[in-house]
Amino acid sequence: MLSIKQELPISNSADAELPVRTSTALGAAIRAQRKRLALSQLDLAGLGNTGNRFIVDLENGKPTVQLQKALDLMDLLGLEMVVRAKSGAGRAQ
């Protein structure tokens, strides 16, 4: 039996880094990747073993979604979160 990761058509066509500073930006990045993979919200909910409502809330930037569930779905979609110090003008002195 294939694992969920093996079943998804993971694409590396969007290798660009995207700074995410809000839950809305995270939701938009997840939605864009889901659409690139031609998955519906229901498809992702089924593959991620979660409810469709969670997917809707996550993609709409609801700030109180469960972090681990969001990270698990990102992994399914071939996304990862990287934490690094800010660079450039936005850096605190």
PDB file of N, CA and C in Angstrom:
ATOM      1  N   MET A   1       0.842  -1.197   0.000  1.00  0.00           N
ATOM      2  CA  MET A   1       0.000   0.000   0.000  1.00  0.00           C
ATOM      3  C   MET A   1       0.877   1.246   0.000  1.00  0.00           C
ATOM      4  N   LEU A   2       0.543   2.229  -0.812  1.00  0.00           N
ATOM      5  CA  LEU A   2       1.299   3.465  -0.886  1.00  0.00           C
ATOM      6  C   LEU A   2       0.966   4.373   0.277  1.00  0.00           C
ATOM      7  N   SER A   3       1.950   5.142   0.723  1.00  0.00           N
ATOM      8  CA  SER A   3       1.674   6.150   1.734  1.00  0.00           C
ATOM      9  C   SER A   3       0.993   7.330   1.051  1.00  0.00           C
ATOM     10  N   ILE A   4       0.405   8.203   1.836  1.00  0.00           N
ATOM     11  CA  ILE A   4      -0.278   9.366   1.277  1.00  0.00           C
ATOM     12  C   ILE A   4       0.702  10.201   0.459  1.00  0.00           C
ATOM     13  N   LYS A   5       1.940  10.388   0.951  1.00  0.00           N
ATOM     14  CA  LYS A   5       2.916  11.194   0.234  1.00  0.00           C
ATOM     15  C   LYS A   5       3.223  10.594  -1.137  1.00  0.00           C
ATOM     16  N   GLN A   6       3.247   9.274  -1.248  1.00  0.00           N
ATOM     17  CA  GLN A   6       3.541   8.635  -2.520  1.00  0.00           C
ATOM     18  C   GLN A   6       2.368   8.762  -3.486  1.00  0.00           C
ATOM     19  N   GLU A   7       1.168   8.915  -2.972  1.00  0.00           N
ATOM     20  CA  GLU A   7      -0.010   9.012  -3.818  1.00  0.00           C
ATOM     21  C   GLU A   7      -0.180  10.400  -4.418  1.00  0.00           C
ATOM     22  N   LEU A   8       0.323  11.440  -3.758  1.00  0.00           N
ATOM     23  CA  LEU A   8       0.140  12.798  -4.248  1.00  0.00           C
ATOM     24  C   LEU A   8       1.119  13.120  -5.367  1.00  0.00           C
ATOM     25  N   PRO A   9       0.654  13.819  -6.381  1.00  0.00           N
ATOM     26  CA  PRO A   9       1.546  14.222  -7.471  1.00  0.00           C
ATOM     27  C   PRO A   9       2.346  15.459  -7.078  1.00  0.00           C
ATOM     28  N   ILE A  10       3.336  15.302  -6.225  1.00  0.00           N
ATOM     29  CA  ILE A  10       4.114  16.432  -5.728  1.00  0.00           C
ATOM     30  C   ILE A  10       4.869  17.090  -6.881  1.00  0.00           C
ATOM     31  N   SER A  11       4.768  18.390  -6.929  1.00  0.00           N
ATOM     32  CA  SER A  11       5.415  19.157  -7.995  1.00  0.00           C
ATOM     33  C   SER A  11       6.410  20.123  -7.389  1.00  0.00           C
ATOM     34  N   ASN A  12       7.576  20.211  -7.973  1.00  0.00           N
ATOM     35  CA  ASN A  12       8.580  21.155  -7.511  1.00  0.00           C
ATOM     36  C   ASN A  12       8.646  22.381  -8.417  1.00  0.00           C
ATOM     37  N   SER A  13       7.594  22.629  -9.172  1.00  0.00           N
ATOM     38  CA  SER A  13       7.603  23.740 -10.121  1.00  0.00           C
ATOM     39  C   SER A  13       7.520  25.092  -9.428  1.00  0.00           C
ATOM     40  N   ALA A  14       7.178  25.116  -8.171  1.00  0.00           N
ATOM     41  CA  ALA A  14       7.059  26.375  -7.438  1.00  0.00           C
ATOM     42  C   ALA A  14       8.097  26.395  -6.322  1.00  0.00           C
ATOM     43  N   ASP A  15       9.370  26.373  -6.703  1.00  0.00           N
ATOM     44  CA  ASP A  15      10.449  26.318  -5.723  1.00  0.00           C
ATOM     45  C   ASP A  15      10.763  27.663  -5.093  1.00  0.00           C
ATOM     46  N   ALA A  16      10.078  28.712  -5.480  1.00  0.00           N
ATOM     47  CA  ALA A  16      10.358  30.038  -4.943  1.00  0.00           C
ATOM     48  C   ALA A  16      10.004  30.105  -3.466  1.00  0.00           C
ATOM     49  N   GLU A  17      10.825  30.822  -2.722  1.00  0.00           N
ATOM     50  CA  GLU A  17      10.533  31.044  -1.304  1.00  0.00           C
ATOM     51  C   GLU A  17       9.520  32.165  -1.178  1.00  0.00           C
ATOM     52  N   LEU A  18       8.649  32.035  -0.197  1.00  0.00           N
ATOM     53  CA  LEU A  18       7.608  33.023   0.023  1.00  0.00           C
ATOM     54  C   LEU A  18       7.589  33.394   1.498  1.00  0.00           C
ATOM     55  N   PRO A  19       7.939  34.636   1.849  1.00  0.00           N
ATOM     56  CA  PRO A  19       7.854  35.031   3.251  1.00  0.00           C
ATOM     57  C   PRO A  19       6.400  35.011   3.716  1.00  0.00           C
ATOM     58  N   VAL A  20       6.143  34.345   4.821  1.00  0.00           N
ATOM     59  CA  VAL A  20       4.793  34.260   5.374  1.00  0.00           C
ATOM     60  C   VAL A  20       4.812  34.924   6.739  1.00  0.00           C
ATOM     61  N   ARG A  21       4.043  35.995   6.863  1.00  0.00           N
ATOM     62  CA  ARG A  21       4.018  36.735   8.118  1.00  0.00           C
ATOM     63  C   ARG A  21       2.628  36.800   8.742  1.00  0.00           C
ATOM     64  N   THR A  22       1.642  36.242   8.027  1.00  0.00           N
ATOM     65  CA  THR A  22       0.276  36.250   8.553  1.00  0.00           C
ATOM     66  C   THR A  22      -0.386  34.913   8.256  1.00  0.00           C
ATOM     67  N   SER A  23      -1.428  34.619   9.002  1.00  0.00           N
ATOM     68  CA  SER A  23      -2.179  33.389   8.741  1.00  0.00           C
ATOM     69  C   SER A  23      -2.854  33.459   7.372  1.00  0.00           C
ATOM     70  N   THR A  24      -3.205  34.650   6.937  1.00  0.00           N
ATOM     71  CA  THR A  24      -3.812  34.821   5.615  1.00  0.00           C
ATOM     72  C   THR A  24      -2.823  34.469   4.506  1.00  0.00           C
ATOM     73  N   ALA A  25      -1.566  34.885   4.659  1.00  0.00           N
ATOM     74  CA  ALA A  25      -0.541  34.569   3.660  1.00  0.00           C
ATOM     75  C   ALA A  25      -0.259  33.065   3.637  1.00  0.00           C
ATOM     76  N   LEU A  26      -0.253  32.435   4.800  1.00  0.00           N
ATOM     77  CA  LEU A  26      -0.043  30.986   4.854  1.00  0.00           C
ATOM     78  C   LEU A  26      -1.184  30.266   4.145  1.00  0.00           C
ATOM     79  N   GLY A  27      -2.411  30.682   4.420  1.00  0.00           N
ATOM     80  CA  GLY A  27      -3.570  30.075   3.771  1.00  0.00           C
ATOM     81  C   GLY A  27      -3.528  30.226   2.262  1.00  0.00           C
ATOM     82  N   ALA A  28      -3.094  31.396   1.800  1.00  0.00           N
ATOM     83  CA  ALA A  28      -3.011  31.637   0.356  1.00  0.00           C
ATOM     84  C   ALA A  28      -1.956  30.740  -0.284  1.00  0.00           C
ATOM     85  N   ALA A  29      -0.837  30.538   0.401  1.00  0.00           N
ATOM     86  CA  ALA A  29       0.220  29.677  -0.136  1.00  0.00           C
ATOM     87  C   ALA A  29      -0.251  28.231  -0.210  1.00  0.00           C
ATOM     88  N   ILE A  30      -0.970  27.800   0.803  1.00  0.00           N
ATOM     89  CA  ILE A  30      -1.494  26.434   0.821  1.00  0.00           C
ATOM     90  C   ILE A  30      -2.541  26.255  -0.280  1.00  0.00           C
ATOM     91  N   ARG A  31      -3.433  27.225  -0.430  1.00  0.00           N
ATOM     92  CA  ARG A  31      -4.451  27.159  -1.477  1.00  0.00           C
ATOM     93  C   ARG A  31      -3.800  27.092  -2.861  1.00  0.00           C
ATOM     94  N   ALA A  32      -2.799  27.933  -3.092  1.00  0.00           N
ATOM     95  CA  ALA A  32      -2.127  27.961  -4.400  1.00  0.00           C
ATOM     96  C   ALA A  32      -1.477  26.610  -4.713  1.00  0.00           C
ATOM     97  N   GLN A  33      -0.832  26.007  -3.723  1.00  0.00           N
ATOM     98  CA  GLN A  33      -0.197  24.708  -3.958  1.00  0.00           C
ATOM     99  C   GLN A  33      -1.248  23.622  -4.193  1.00  0.00           C
ATOM    100  N   ARG A  34      -2.327  23.663  -3.436  1.00  0.00           N
ATOM    101  CA  ARG A  34      -3.404  22.677  -3.629  1.00  0.00           C
ATOM    102  C   ARG A  34      -3.934  22.768  -5.057  1.00  0.00           C
ATOM    103  N   LYS A  35      -4.135  23.986  -5.523  1.00  0.00           N
ATOM    104  CA  LYS A  35      -4.648  24.176  -6.878  1.00  0.00           C
ATOM    105  C   LYS A  35      -3.620  23.748  -7.923  1.00  0.00           C
ATOM    106  N   ARG A  36      -2.326  24.022  -7.691  1.00  0.00           N
ATOM    107  CA  ARG A  36      -1.289  23.560  -8.625  1.00  0.00           C
ATOM    108  C   ARG A  36      -1.307  22.048  -8.762  1.00  0.00           C
ATOM    109  N   LEU A  37      -1.661  21.367  -7.677  1.00  0.00           N
ATOM    110  CA  LEU A  37      -1.719  19.908  -7.681  1.00  0.00           C
ATOM    111  C   LEU A  37      -3.076  19.379  -8.138  1.00  0.00           C
ATOM    112  N   ALA A  38      -3.962  20.276  -8.540  1.00  0.00           N
ATOM    113  CA  ALA A  38      -5.298  19.924  -9.038  1.00  0.00           C
ATOM    114  C   ALA A  38      -6.095  19.123  -8.025  1.00  0.00           C
ATOM    115  N   LEU A  39      -6.009  19.532  -6.767  1.00  0.00           N
ATOM    116  CA  LEU A  39      -6.779  18.892  -5.701  1.00  0.00           C
ATOM    117  C   LEU A  39      -7.897  19.821  -5.255  1.00  0.00           C
ATOM    118  N   SER A  40      -9.045  19.249  -4.970  1.00  0.00           N
ATOM    119  CA  SER A  40     -10.124  20.041  -4.385  1.00  0.00           C
ATOM    120  C   SER A  40      -9.906  20.103  -2.873  1.00  0.00           C
ATOM    121  N   GLN A  41     -10.630  20.981  -2.224  1.00  0.00           N
ATOM    122  CA  GLN A  41     -10.551  21.045  -0.764  1.00  0.00           C
ATOM    123  C   GLN A  41     -10.993  19.714  -0.160  1.00  0.00           C
ATOM    124  N   LEU A  42     -12.014  19.101  -0.737  1.00  0.00           N
ATOM    125  CA  LEU A  42     -12.471  17.793  -0.242  1.00  0.00           C
ATOM    126  C   LEU A  42     -11.411  16.712  -0.435  1.00  0.00           C
ATOM    127  N   ASP A  43     -10.708  16.757  -1.571  1.00  0.00           N
ATOM    128  CA  ASP A  43      -9.617  15.810  -1.804  1.00  0.00           C
ATOM    129  C   ASP A  43      -8.566  15.942  -0.711  1.00  0.00           C
ATOM    130  N   LEU A  44      -8.147  17.171  -0.440  1.00  0.00           N
ATOM    131  CA  LEU A  44      -7.108  17.405   0.558  1.00  0.00           C
ATOM    132  C   LEU A  44      -7.578  17.000   1.946  1.00  0.00           C
ATOM    133  N   ALA A  45      -8.824  17.290   2.259  1.00  0.00           N
ATOM    134  CA  ALA A  45      -9.362  16.896   3.556  1.00  0.00           C
ATOM    135  C   ALA A  45      -9.323  15.381   3.713  1.00  0.00           C
ATOM    136  N   GLY A  46      -9.689  14.664   2.670  1.00  0.00           N
ATOM    137  CA  GLY A  46      -9.663  13.204   2.736  1.00  0.00           C
ATOM    138  C   GLY A  46      -8.256  12.659   2.868  1.00  0.00           C
ATOM    139  N   LEU A  47      -7.343  13.178   2.070  1.00  0.00           N
ATOM    140  CA  LEU A  47      -5.956  12.725   2.136  1.00  0.00           C
ATOM    141  C   LEU A  47      -5.305  13.064   3.469  1.00  0.00           C
ATOM    142  N   GLY A  48      -5.704  14.213   4.027  1.00  0.00           N
ATOM    143  CA  GLY A  48      -5.129  14.657   5.296  1.00  0.00           C
ATOM    144  C   GLY A  48      -5.862  14.155   6.514  1.00  0.00           C
ATOM    145  N   ASN A  49      -6.894  13.355   6.279  1.00  0.00           N
ATOM    146  CA  ASN A  49      -7.677  12.802   7.385  1.00  0.00           C
ATOM    147  C   ASN A  49      -8.197  13.900   8.318  1.00  0.00           C
ATOM    148  N   THR A  50      -8.755  14.923   7.704  1.00  0.00           N
ATOM    149  CA  THR A  50      -9.316  16.031   8.463  1.00  0.00           C
ATOM    150  C   THR A  50     -10.630  16.442   7.813  1.00  0.00           C
ATOM    151  N   GLY A  51     -11.319  17.337   8.421  1.00  0.00           N
ATOM    152  CA  GLY A  51     -12.584  17.792   7.873  1.00  0.00           C
ATOM    153  C   GLY A  51     -12.399  18.883   6.841  1.00  0.00           C
ATOM    154  N   ASN A  52     -13.359  18.999   5.938  1.00  0.00           N
ATOM    155  CA  ASN A  52     -13.319  20.046   4.926  1.00  0.00           C
ATOM    156  C   ASN A  52     -13.330  21.426   5.579  1.00  0.00           C
ATOM    157  N   ARG A  53     -14.037  21.572   6.695  1.00  0.00           N
ATOM    158  CA  ARG A  53     -14.114  22.860   7.396  1.00  0.00           C
ATOM    159  C   ARG A  53     -12.720  23.337   7.789  1.00  0.00           C
ATOM    160  N   PHE A  54     -11.846  22.399   8.216  1.00  0.00           N
ATOM    161  CA  PHE A  54     -10.482  22.775   8.588  1.00  0.00           C
ATOM    162  C   PHE A  54      -9.739  23.343   7.381  1.00  0.00           C
ATOM    163  N   ILE A  55      -9.902  22.712   6.221  1.00  0.00           N
ATOM    164  CA  ILE A  55      -9.226  23.179   5.012  1.00  0.00           C
ATOM    165  C   ILE A  55      -9.718  24.584   4.657  1.00  0.00           C
ATOM    166  N   VAL A  56     -11.014  24.785   4.705  1.00  0.00           N
ATOM    167  CA  VAL A  56     -11.600  26.096   4.406  1.00  0.00           C
ATOM    168  C   VAL A  56     -11.042  27.141   5.367  1.00  0.00           C
ATOM    169  N   ASP A  57     -11.053  26.839   6.663  1.00  0.00           N
ATOM    170  CA  ASP A  57     -10.548  27.785   7.659  1.00  0.00           C
ATOM    171  C   ASP A  57      -9.066  28.085   7.451  1.00  0.00           C
ATOM    172  N   LEU A  58      -8.283  27.053   7.191  1.00  0.00           N
ATOM    173  CA  LEU A  58      -6.843  27.226   6.970  1.00  0.00           C
ATOM    174  C   LEU A  58      -6.579  28.111   5.762  1.00  0.00           C
ATOM    175  N   GLU A  59      -7.233  27.823   4.654  1.00  0.00           N
ATOM    176  CA  GLU A  59      -7.018  28.601   3.434  1.00  0.00           C
ATOM    177  C   GLU A  59      -7.536  30.030   3.553  1.00  0.00           C
ATOM    178  N   ASN A  60      -8.498  30.252   4.428  1.00  0.00           N
ATOM    179  CA  ASN A  60      -9.026  31.600   4.643  1.00  0.00           C
ATOM    180  C   ASN A  60      -8.239  32.378   5.690  1.00  0.00           C
ATOM    181  N   GLY A  61      -7.193  31.763   6.251  1.00  0.00           N
ATOM    182  CA  GLY A  61      -6.322  32.463   7.182  1.00  0.00           C
ATOM    183  C   GLY A  61      -6.832  32.549   8.602  1.00  0.00           C
ATOM    184  N   LYS A  62      -7.698  31.641   8.995  1.00  0.00           N
ATOM    185  CA  LYS A  62      -8.176  31.659  10.376  1.00  0.00           C
ATOM    186  C   LYS A  62      -6.974  31.502  11.308  1.00  0.00           C
ATOM    187  N   PRO A  63      -6.758  32.470  12.208  1.00  0.00           N
ATOM    188  CA  PRO A  63      -5.541  32.456  13.024  1.00  0.00           C
ATOM    189  C   PRO A  63      -5.511  31.409  14.128  1.00  0.00           C
ATOM    190  N   THR A  64      -6.621  30.740  14.373  1.00  0.00           N
ATOM    191  CA  THR A  64      -6.658  29.788  15.485  1.00  0.00           C
ATOM    192  C   THR A  64      -6.660  28.328  15.050  1.00  0.00           C
ATOM    193  N   VAL A  65      -6.307  28.038  13.794  1.00  0.00           N
ATOM    194  CA  VAL A  65      -6.253  26.637  13.365  1.00  0.00           C
ATOM    195  C   VAL A  65      -5.116  25.927  14.093  1.00  0.00           C
ATOM    196  N   GLN A  66      -5.232  24.623  14.182  1.00  0.00           N
ATOM    197  CA  GLN A  66      -4.214  23.827  14.867  1.00  0.00           C
ATOM    198  C   GLN A  66      -2.937  23.796  14.038  1.00  0.00           C
ATOM    199  N   LEU A  67      -1.856  24.232  14.646  1.00  0.00           N
ATOM    200  CA  LEU A  67      -0.582  24.328  13.941  1.00  0.00           C
ATOM    201  C   LEU A  67      -0.108  22.985  13.403  1.00  0.00           C
ATOM    202  N   GLN A  68      -0.158  21.935  14.201  1.00  0.00           N
ATOM    203  CA  GLN A  68       0.355  20.644  13.740  1.00  0.00           C
ATOM    204  C   GLN A  68      -0.447  20.116  12.555  1.00  0.00           C
ATOM    205  N   LYS A  69      -1.761  20.306  12.580  1.00  0.00           N
ATOM    206  CA  LYS A  69      -2.573  19.875  11.437  1.00  0.00           C
ATOM    207  C   LYS A  69      -2.203  20.665  10.191  1.00  0.00           C
ATOM    208  N   ALA A  70      -1.950  21.954  10.349  1.00  0.00           N
ATOM    209  CA  ALA A  70      -1.545  22.780   9.210  1.00  0.00           C
ATOM    210  C   ALA A  70      -0.200  22.307   8.671  1.00  0.00           C
ATOM    211  N   LEU A  71       0.742  22.014   9.548  1.00  0.00           N
ATOM    212  CA  LEU A  71       2.055  21.534   9.116  1.00  0.00           C
ATOM    213  C   LEU A  71       1.944  20.179   8.428  1.00  0.00           C
ATOM    214  N   ASP A  72       1.083  19.315   8.944  1.00  0.00           N
ATOM    215  CA  ASP A  72       0.883  18.005   8.316  1.00  0.00           C
ATOM    216  C   ASP A  72       0.328  18.153   6.901  1.00  0.00           C
ATOM    217  N   LEU A  73      -0.621  19.060   6.722  1.00  0.00           N
ATOM    218  CA  LEU A  73      -1.186  19.283   5.387  1.00  0.00           C
ATOM    219  C   LEU A  73      -0.156  19.901   4.452  1.00  0.00           C
ATOM    220  N   MET A  74       0.669  20.804   4.976  1.00  0.00           N
ATOM    221  CA  MET A  74       1.732  21.370   4.155  1.00  0.00           C
ATOM    222  C   MET A  74       2.674  20.274   3.676  1.00  0.00           C
ATOM    223  N   ASP A  75       2.996  19.344   4.551  1.00  0.00           N
ATOM    224  CA  ASP A  75       3.860  18.225   4.184  1.00  0.00           C
ATOM    225  C   ASP A  75       3.217  17.395   3.071  1.00  0.00           C
ATOM    226  N   LEU A  76       1.931  17.133   3.200  1.00  0.00           N
ATOM    227  CA  LEU A  76       1.218  16.386   2.158  1.00  0.00           C
ATOM    228  C   LEU A  76       1.288  17.096   0.804  1.00  0.00           C
ATOM    229  N   LEU A  77       1.263  18.418   0.847  1.00  0.00           N
ATOM    230  CA  LEU A  77       1.276  19.208  -0.379  1.00  0.00           C
ATOM    231  C   LEU A  77       2.684  19.465  -0.907  1.00  0.00           C
ATOM    232  N   GLY A  78       3.686  18.956  -0.200  1.00  0.00           N
ATOM    233  CA  GLY A  78       5.065  19.163  -0.640  1.00  0.00           C
ATOM    234  C   GLY A  78       5.622  20.522  -0.247  1.00  0.00           C
ATOM    235  N   LEU A  79       5.050  21.113   0.788  1.00  0.00           N
ATOM    236  CA  LEU A  79       5.513  22.402   1.288  1.00  0.00           C
ATOM    237  C   LEU A  79       6.195  22.210   2.632  1.00  0.00           C
ATOM    238  N   GLU A  80       7.076  23.121   2.974  1.00  0.00           N
ATOM    239  CA  GLU A  80       7.686  23.091   4.300  1.00  0.00           C
ATOM    240  C   GLU A  80       7.836  24.516   4.800  1.00  0.00           C
ATOM    241  N   MET A  81       7.890  24.652   6.105  1.00  0.00           N
ATOM    242  CA  MET A  81       8.063  25.954   6.719  1.00  0.00           C
ATOM    243  C   MET A  81       9.500  26.044   7.232  1.00  0.00           C
ATOM    244  N   VAL A  82      10.149  27.141   6.927  1.00  0.00           N
ATOM    245  CA  VAL A  82      11.514  27.381   7.374  1.00  0.00           C
ATOM    246  C   VAL A  82      11.509  28.641   8.225  1.00  0.00           C
ATOM    247  N   VAL A  83      12.085  28.556   9.410  1.00  0.00           N
ATOM    248  CA  VAL A  83      12.170  29.717  10.291  1.00  0.00           C
ATOM    249  C   VAL A  83      13.599  30.244  10.226  1.00  0.00           C
ATOM    250  N   ARG A  84      13.722  31.535   9.928  1.00  0.00           N
ATOM    251  CA  ARG A  84      15.041  32.151   9.857  1.00  0.00           C
ATOM    252  C   ARG A  84      14.925  33.594  10.325  1.00  0.00           C
ATOM    253  N   ALA A  85      16.053  34.177  10.655  1.00  0.00           N
ATOM    254  CA  ALA A  85      16.067  35.580  11.061  1.00  0.00           C
ATOM    255  C   ALA A  85      15.681  36.446   9.874  1.00  0.00           C
ATOM    256  N   LYS A  86      14.967  37.511  10.143  1.00  0.00           N
ATOM    257  CA  LYS A  86      14.605  38.450   9.091  1.00  0.00           C
ATOM    258  C   LYS A  86      15.860  39.106   8.534  1.00  0.00           C
ATOM    259  N   SER A  87      15.790  39.458   7.268  1.00  0.00           N
ATOM    260  CA  SER A  87      16.899  40.172   6.658  1.00  0.00           C
ATOM    261  C   SER A  87      16.389  41.470   6.072  1.00  0.00           C
ATOM    262  N   GLY A  88      17.260  42.400   5.831  1.00  0.00           N
ATOM    263  CA  GLY A  88      16.878  43.633   5.172  1.00  0.00           C
ATOM    264  C   GLY A  88      16.247  44.647   6.105  1.00  0.00           C
ATOM    265  N   ALA A  89      15.406  45.487   5.535  1.00  0.00           N
ATOM    266  CA  ALA A  89      14.829  46.641   6.240  1.00  0.00           C
ATOM    267  C   ALA A  89      13.897  46.254   7.377  1.00  0.00           C
ATOM    268  N   GLY A  90      13.287  45.087   7.324  1.00  0.00           N
ATOM    269  CA  GLY A  90      12.334  44.678   8.346  1.00  0.00           C
ATOM    270  C   GLY A  90      12.997  44.173   9.622  1.00  0.00           C
ATOM    271  N   ARG A  91      14.303  44.148   9.673  1.00  0.00           N
ATOM    272  CA  ARG A  91      15.036  43.588  10.808  1.00  0.00           C
ATOM    273  C   ARG A  91      15.052  44.543  11.989  1.00  0.00           C
ATOM    274  N   ALA A  92      14.744  44.025  13.183  1.00  0.00           N
ATOM    275  CA  ALA A  92      14.776  44.833  14.398  1.00  0.00           C
ATOM    276  C   ALA A  92      16.220  45.075  14.803  1.00  0.00           C
ATOM    277  N   GLN A  93      16.507  46.277  15.274  1.00  0.00           N
ATOM    278  CA  GLN A  93      17.865  46.620  15.700  1.00  0.00           C
ATOM    279  C   GLN A  93      18.117  46.259  17.147  1.00  0.00           C
TER     280      GLN A  93
END
